[in-house]
Amino acid sequence: IDPDDDARVLARLRRDGRLTGAELAERLGIGPDRARTALNGLLASDRVVVRTEVARPFSGRPVYAWFFLRTPARSVEAALDRLATLRDLRLLAPTVGAANIVLAMWLRSLDDVRKVETVIERAVSGLEVIDRSVILRTTKHLGRPLSASGTSAI
């Protein structure tokens, strides 16, 4: 397996992750077997992960809410472990600043934002929601422009 093939395949997939093995081979100017071998090697090594996305408006959870949380530094890891069990979690990460944890969820309604805040604060002693944000429309996702309906515009 040629490491240059890996780098070239990764570069192509960053531009268009939907390429078939045959399309990949054609764009790279290599044979289909060589392209598939490089792609399979990347998949087996976990350097490439296959992921399926759904347009949020069609998910049944049209409200995209971000929560900015603060907990004592000694409690961050325990808080992350506990919060990771929340349903509909899209992102959970430690951060630096006034909020030391950021959490994003897709929710069914605006009323759920308040309900989730209560669940979050009850989940971890000393955890506080210091800010929240509701995303009204996402215009781009993973580098792809989105239409007003939330689907790929390309």
C-alpha atoms as a PDB file:
ATOM      1  CA  ILE A   1       0.000   0.000   0.000  1.00  0.00           C
ATOM      2  CA  ASP A   2       1.430   3.321  -1.111  1.00  0.00           C
ATOM      3  CA  PRO A   3       1.287   6.044   1.606  1.00  0.00           C
ATOM      4  CA  ASP A   4       0.963   8.610  -1.188  1.00  0.00           C
ATOM      5  CA  ASP A   5      -2.268   6.881  -2.258  1.00  0.00           C
ATOM      6  CA  ASP A   6      -3.602   7.265   1.295  1.00  0.00           C
ATOM      7  CA  ALA A   7      -2.861  10.988   1.324  1.00  0.00           C
ATOM      8  CA  ARG A   8      -4.404  11.503  -2.108  1.00  0.00           C
ATOM      9  CA  VAL A   9      -7.511   9.470  -1.207  1.00  0.00           C
ATOM     10  CA  LEU A  10      -7.953  11.445   2.023  1.00  0.00           C
ATOM     11  CA  ALA A  11      -7.594  14.735   0.141  1.00  0.00           C
ATOM     12  CA  ARG A  12     -10.283  13.680  -2.380  1.00  0.00           C
ATOM     13  CA  LEU A  13     -12.644  12.412   0.310  1.00  0.00           C
ATOM     14  CA  ARG A  14     -12.345  15.713   2.190  1.00  0.00           C
ATOM     15  CA  ARG A  15     -13.716  17.415  -0.930  1.00  0.00           C
ATOM     16  CA  ASP A  16     -16.437  14.821  -1.581  1.00  0.00           C
ATOM     17  CA  GLY A  17     -17.012  12.000   0.870  1.00  0.00           C
ATOM     18  CA  ARG A  18     -19.632  10.429  -1.403  1.00  0.00           C
ATOM     19  CA  LEU A  19     -17.225   9.246  -4.090  1.00  0.00           C
ATOM     20  CA  THR A  20     -17.453   5.612  -5.147  1.00  0.00           C
ATOM     21  CA  GLY A  21     -14.301   3.515  -5.533  1.00  0.00           C
ATOM     22  CA  ALA A  22     -14.544   3.842  -9.315  1.00  0.00           C
ATOM     23  CA  GLU A  23     -14.947   7.646  -9.165  1.00  0.00           C
ATOM     24  CA  LEU A  24     -12.049   7.869  -6.738  1.00  0.00           C
ATOM     25  CA  ALA A  25      -9.841   5.849  -9.088  1.00  0.00           C
ATOM     26  CA  GLU A  26     -10.804   8.009 -12.062  1.00  0.00           C
ATOM     27  CA  ARG A  27     -10.107  11.291 -10.256  1.00  0.00           C
ATOM     28  CA  LEU A  28      -6.788  10.053  -8.896  1.00  0.00           C
ATOM     29  CA  GLY A  29      -5.696   8.485 -12.176  1.00  0.00           C
ATOM     30  CA  ILE A  30      -5.151   5.061 -10.598  1.00  0.00           C
ATOM     31  CA  GLY A  31      -6.789   1.682 -11.102  1.00  0.00           C
ATOM     32  CA  PRO A  32     -10.059   0.824  -9.294  1.00  0.00           C
ATOM     33  CA  ASP A  33      -8.423  -2.033  -7.344  1.00  0.00           C
ATOM     34  CA  ARG A  34      -5.681   0.272  -6.105  1.00  0.00           C
ATOM     35  CA  ALA A  35      -8.221   2.930  -5.094  1.00  0.00           C
ATOM     36  CA  ARG A  36     -10.366   0.369  -3.249  1.00  0.00           C
ATOM     37  CA  THR A  37      -7.305  -1.069  -1.501  1.00  0.00           C
ATOM     38  CA  ALA A  38      -6.271   2.393  -0.294  1.00  0.00           C
ATOM     39  CA  LEU A  39      -9.820   3.203   0.822  1.00  0.00           C
ATOM     40  CA  ASN A  40     -10.268  -0.141   2.607  1.00  0.00           C
ATOM     41  CA  GLY A  41      -6.921   0.359   4.363  1.00  0.00           C
ATOM     42  CA  LEU A  42      -7.988   3.793   5.577  1.00  0.00           C
ATOM     43  CA  LEU A  43     -11.326   2.426   6.800  1.00  0.00           C
ATOM     44  CA  ALA A  44      -9.639  -0.494   8.592  1.00  0.00           C
ATOM     45  CA  SER A  45      -7.191   1.867  10.320  1.00  0.00           C
ATOM     46  CA  ASP A  46     -10.047   4.138  11.513  1.00  0.00           C
ATOM     47  CA  ARG A  47      -8.430   7.100   9.744  1.00  0.00           C
ATOM     48  CA  VAL A  48     -11.692   7.375   7.802  1.00  0.00           C
ATOM     49  CA  VAL A  49     -15.047   6.837   9.503  1.00  0.00           C
ATOM     50  CA  VAL A  50     -18.281   6.416   7.569  1.00  0.00           C
ATOM     51  CA  ARG A  51     -21.023   8.616   8.970  1.00  0.00           C
ATOM     52  CA  THR A  52     -24.552   9.298   7.814  1.00  0.00           C
ATOM     53  CA  GLU A  53     -26.145  12.666   8.435  1.00  0.00           C
ATOM     54  CA  VAL A  54     -29.809  13.569   8.394  1.00  0.00           C
ATOM     55  CA  ALA A  55     -31.186  17.022   7.648  1.00  0.00           C
ATOM     56  CA  ARG A  56     -32.248  18.365  11.044  1.00  0.00           C
ATOM     57  CA  PRO A  57     -35.687  19.621   9.872  1.00  0.00           C
ATOM     58  CA  PHE A  58     -36.549  16.019   8.873  1.00  0.00           C
ATOM     59  CA  SER A  59     -35.200  14.456  12.073  1.00  0.00           C
ATOM     60  CA  GLY A  60     -38.219  15.170  14.256  1.00  0.00           C
ATOM     61  CA  ARG A  61     -35.895  17.371  16.303  1.00  0.00           C
ATOM     62  CA  PRO A  62     -35.819  20.739  14.545  1.00  0.00           C
ATOM     63  CA  VAL A  63     -34.516  22.801  17.497  1.00  0.00           C
ATOM     64  CA  TYR A  64     -30.716  22.976  17.705  1.00  0.00           C
ATOM     65  CA  ALA A  65     -29.722  24.149  21.183  1.00  0.00           C
ATOM     66  CA  TRP A  66     -26.287  24.807  22.643  1.00  0.00           C
ATOM     67  CA  PHE A  67     -25.718  24.945  26.388  1.00  0.00           C
ATOM     68  CA  PHE A  68     -22.684  26.542  28.012  1.00  0.00           C
ATOM     69  CA  LEU A  69     -22.018  24.990  31.398  1.00  0.00           C
ATOM     70  CA  ARG A  70     -19.802  25.696  34.384  1.00  0.00           C
ATOM     71  CA  THR A  71     -18.716  23.211  37.000  1.00  0.00           C
ATOM     72  CA  PRO A  72     -15.770  23.183  39.388  1.00  0.00           C
ATOM     73  CA  ALA A  73     -12.609  22.093  37.547  1.00  0.00           C
ATOM     74  CA  ARG A  74     -12.290  18.998  39.747  1.00  0.00           C
ATOM     75  CA  SER A  75     -15.756  17.872  38.549  1.00  0.00           C
ATOM     76  CA  VAL A  76     -15.369  18.308  34.767  1.00  0.00           C
ATOM     77  CA  GLU A  77     -14.547  14.648  33.973  1.00  0.00           C
ATOM     78  CA  ALA A  78     -17.381  13.313  36.152  1.00  0.00           C
ATOM     79  CA  ALA A  79     -19.778  15.831  34.616  1.00  0.00           C
ATOM     80  CA  LEU A  80     -18.758  14.804  31.086  1.00  0.00           C
ATOM     81  CA  ASP A  81     -19.316  11.118  31.943  1.00  0.00           C
ATOM     82  CA  ARG A  82     -22.779  11.835  33.351  1.00  0.00           C
ATOM     83  CA  LEU A  83     -23.849  14.213  30.559  1.00  0.00           C
ATOM     84  CA  ALA A  84     -22.697  11.769  27.866  1.00  0.00           C
ATOM     85  CA  THR A  85     -25.742   9.627  28.711  1.00  0.00           C
ATOM     86  CA  LEU A  86     -28.235  12.314  27.600  1.00  0.00           C
ATOM     87  CA  ARG A  87     -30.447  11.390  24.672  1.00  0.00           C
ATOM     88  CA  ASP A  88     -30.223  13.536  21.525  1.00  0.00           C
ATOM     89  CA  LEU A  89     -26.724  14.733  22.398  1.00  0.00           C
ATOM     90  CA  ARG A  90     -24.857  15.981  19.324  1.00  0.00           C
ATOM     91  CA  LEU A  91     -21.719  17.397  20.929  1.00  0.00           C
ATOM     92  CA  LEU A  92     -20.222  17.370  24.410  1.00  0.00           C
ATOM     93  CA  ALA A  93     -16.789  18.841  25.062  1.00  0.00           C
ATOM     94  CA  PRO A  94     -14.678  20.429  27.768  1.00  0.00           C
ATOM     95  CA  THR A  95     -13.587  23.969  26.973  1.00  0.00           C
ATOM     96  CA  VAL A  96     -11.736  26.910  28.480  1.00  0.00           C
ATOM     97  CA  GLY A  97     -13.324  30.093  29.759  1.00  0.00           C
ATOM     98  CA  ALA A  98     -16.302  31.087  31.854  1.00  0.00           C
ATOM     99  CA  ALA A  99     -18.064  27.958  30.600  1.00  0.00           C
ATOM    100  CA  ASN A 100     -15.877  24.868  30.956  1.00  0.00           C
ATOM    101  CA  ILE A 101     -18.260  22.464  29.202  1.00  0.00           C
ATOM    102  CA  VAL A 102     -20.213  22.978  25.983  1.00  0.00           C
ATOM    103  CA  LEU A 103     -23.126  20.732  25.021  1.00  0.00           C
ATOM    104  CA  ALA A 104     -25.283  20.718  21.868  1.00  0.00           C
ATOM    105  CA  MET A 105     -28.547  18.854  21.342  1.00  0.00           C
ATOM    106  CA  TRP A 106     -31.282  18.472  18.769  1.00  0.00           C
ATOM    107  CA  LEU A 107     -34.650  18.895  20.496  1.00  0.00           C
ATOM    108  CA  ARG A 108     -38.313  18.472  19.557  1.00  0.00           C
ATOM    109  CA  SER A 109     -39.492  21.944  20.650  1.00  0.00           C
ATOM    110  CA  LEU A 110     -38.406  25.233  22.205  1.00  0.00           C
ATOM    111  CA  ASP A 111     -40.098  24.102  25.443  1.00  0.00           C
ATOM    112  CA  ASP A 112     -37.544  21.305  25.597  1.00  0.00           C
ATOM    113  CA  VAL A 113     -34.719  23.852  25.995  1.00  0.00           C
ATOM    114  CA  ARG A 114     -35.967  24.763  29.485  1.00  0.00           C
ATOM    115  CA  LYS A 115     -36.648  21.117  30.348  1.00  0.00           C
ATOM    116  CA  VAL A 116     -33.156  20.078  29.292  1.00  0.00           C
ATOM    117  CA  GLU A 117     -31.617  22.851  31.407  1.00  0.00           C
ATOM    118  CA  THR A 118     -33.368  21.379  34.435  1.00  0.00           C
ATOM    119  CA  VAL A 119     -32.201  17.855  33.573  1.00  0.00           C
ATOM    120  CA  ILE A 120     -28.622  19.073  33.064  1.00  0.00           C
ATOM    121  CA  GLU A 121     -28.483  20.940  36.374  1.00  0.00           C
ATOM    122  CA  ARG A 122     -29.998  17.986  38.248  1.00  0.00           C
ATOM    123  CA  ALA A 123     -27.637  15.503  36.579  1.00  0.00           C
ATOM    124  CA  VAL A 124     -24.485  16.883  38.176  1.00  0.00           C
ATOM    125  CA  SER A 125     -24.209  18.559  41.555  1.00  0.00           C
ATOM    126  CA  GLY A 126     -22.681  22.028  41.240  1.00  0.00           C
ATOM    127  CA  LEU A 127     -23.221  22.184  37.477  1.00  0.00           C
ATOM    128  CA  GLU A 128     -24.705  25.446  36.229  1.00  0.00           C
ATOM    129  CA  VAL A 129     -26.072  26.504  32.832  1.00  0.00           C
ATOM    130  CA  ILE A 130     -24.499  29.927  32.338  1.00  0.00           C
ATOM    131  CA  ASP A 131     -25.728  30.544  28.802  1.00  0.00           C
ATOM    132  CA  ARG A 132     -27.672  28.919  25.997  1.00  0.00           C
ATOM    133  CA  SER A 133     -28.162  29.496  22.303  1.00  0.00           C
ATOM    134  CA  VAL A 134     -30.787  28.275  19.842  1.00  0.00           C
ATOM    135  CA  ILE A 135     -29.702  27.966  16.221  1.00  0.00           C
ATOM    136  CA  LEU A 136     -32.532  29.083  13.958  1.00  0.00           C
ATOM    137  CA  ARG A 137     -30.995  27.944  10.673  1.00  0.00           C
ATOM    138  CA  THR A 138     -27.808  26.163   9.689  1.00  0.00           C
ATOM    139  CA  THR A 139     -26.477  27.456   6.377  1.00  0.00           C
ATOM    140  CA  LYS A 140     -23.477  25.136   6.046  1.00  0.00           C
ATOM    141  CA  HIS A 141     -22.599  21.686   7.420  1.00  0.00           C
ATOM    142  CA  LEU A 142     -19.277  19.859   6.982  1.00  0.00           C
ATOM    143  CA  GLY A 143     -18.313  22.376   4.317  1.00  0.00           C
ATOM    144  CA  ARG A 144     -21.484  21.880   2.274  1.00  0.00           C
ATOM    145  CA  PRO A 145     -23.962  24.734   1.774  1.00  0.00           C
ATOM    146  CA  LEU A 146     -27.477  23.866   2.931  1.00  0.00           C
ATOM    147  CA  SER A 147     -30.768  24.912   1.353  1.00  0.00           C
ATOM    148  CA  ALA A 148     -33.519  26.615   3.379  1.00  0.00           C
ATOM    149  CA  SER A 149     -34.998  23.146   3.974  1.00  0.00           C
ATOM    150  CA  GLY A 150     -31.738  21.961   5.570  1.00  0.00           C
ATOM    151  CA  THR A 151     -30.688  19.618   2.755  1.00  0.00           C
ATOM    152  CA  SER A 152     -27.488  19.829   0.750  1.00  0.00           C
ATOM    153  CA  ALA A 153     -27.614  22.644  -1.795  1.00  0.00           C
ATOM    154  CA  ILE A 154     -24.954  20.962  -3.949  1.00  0.00           C
END
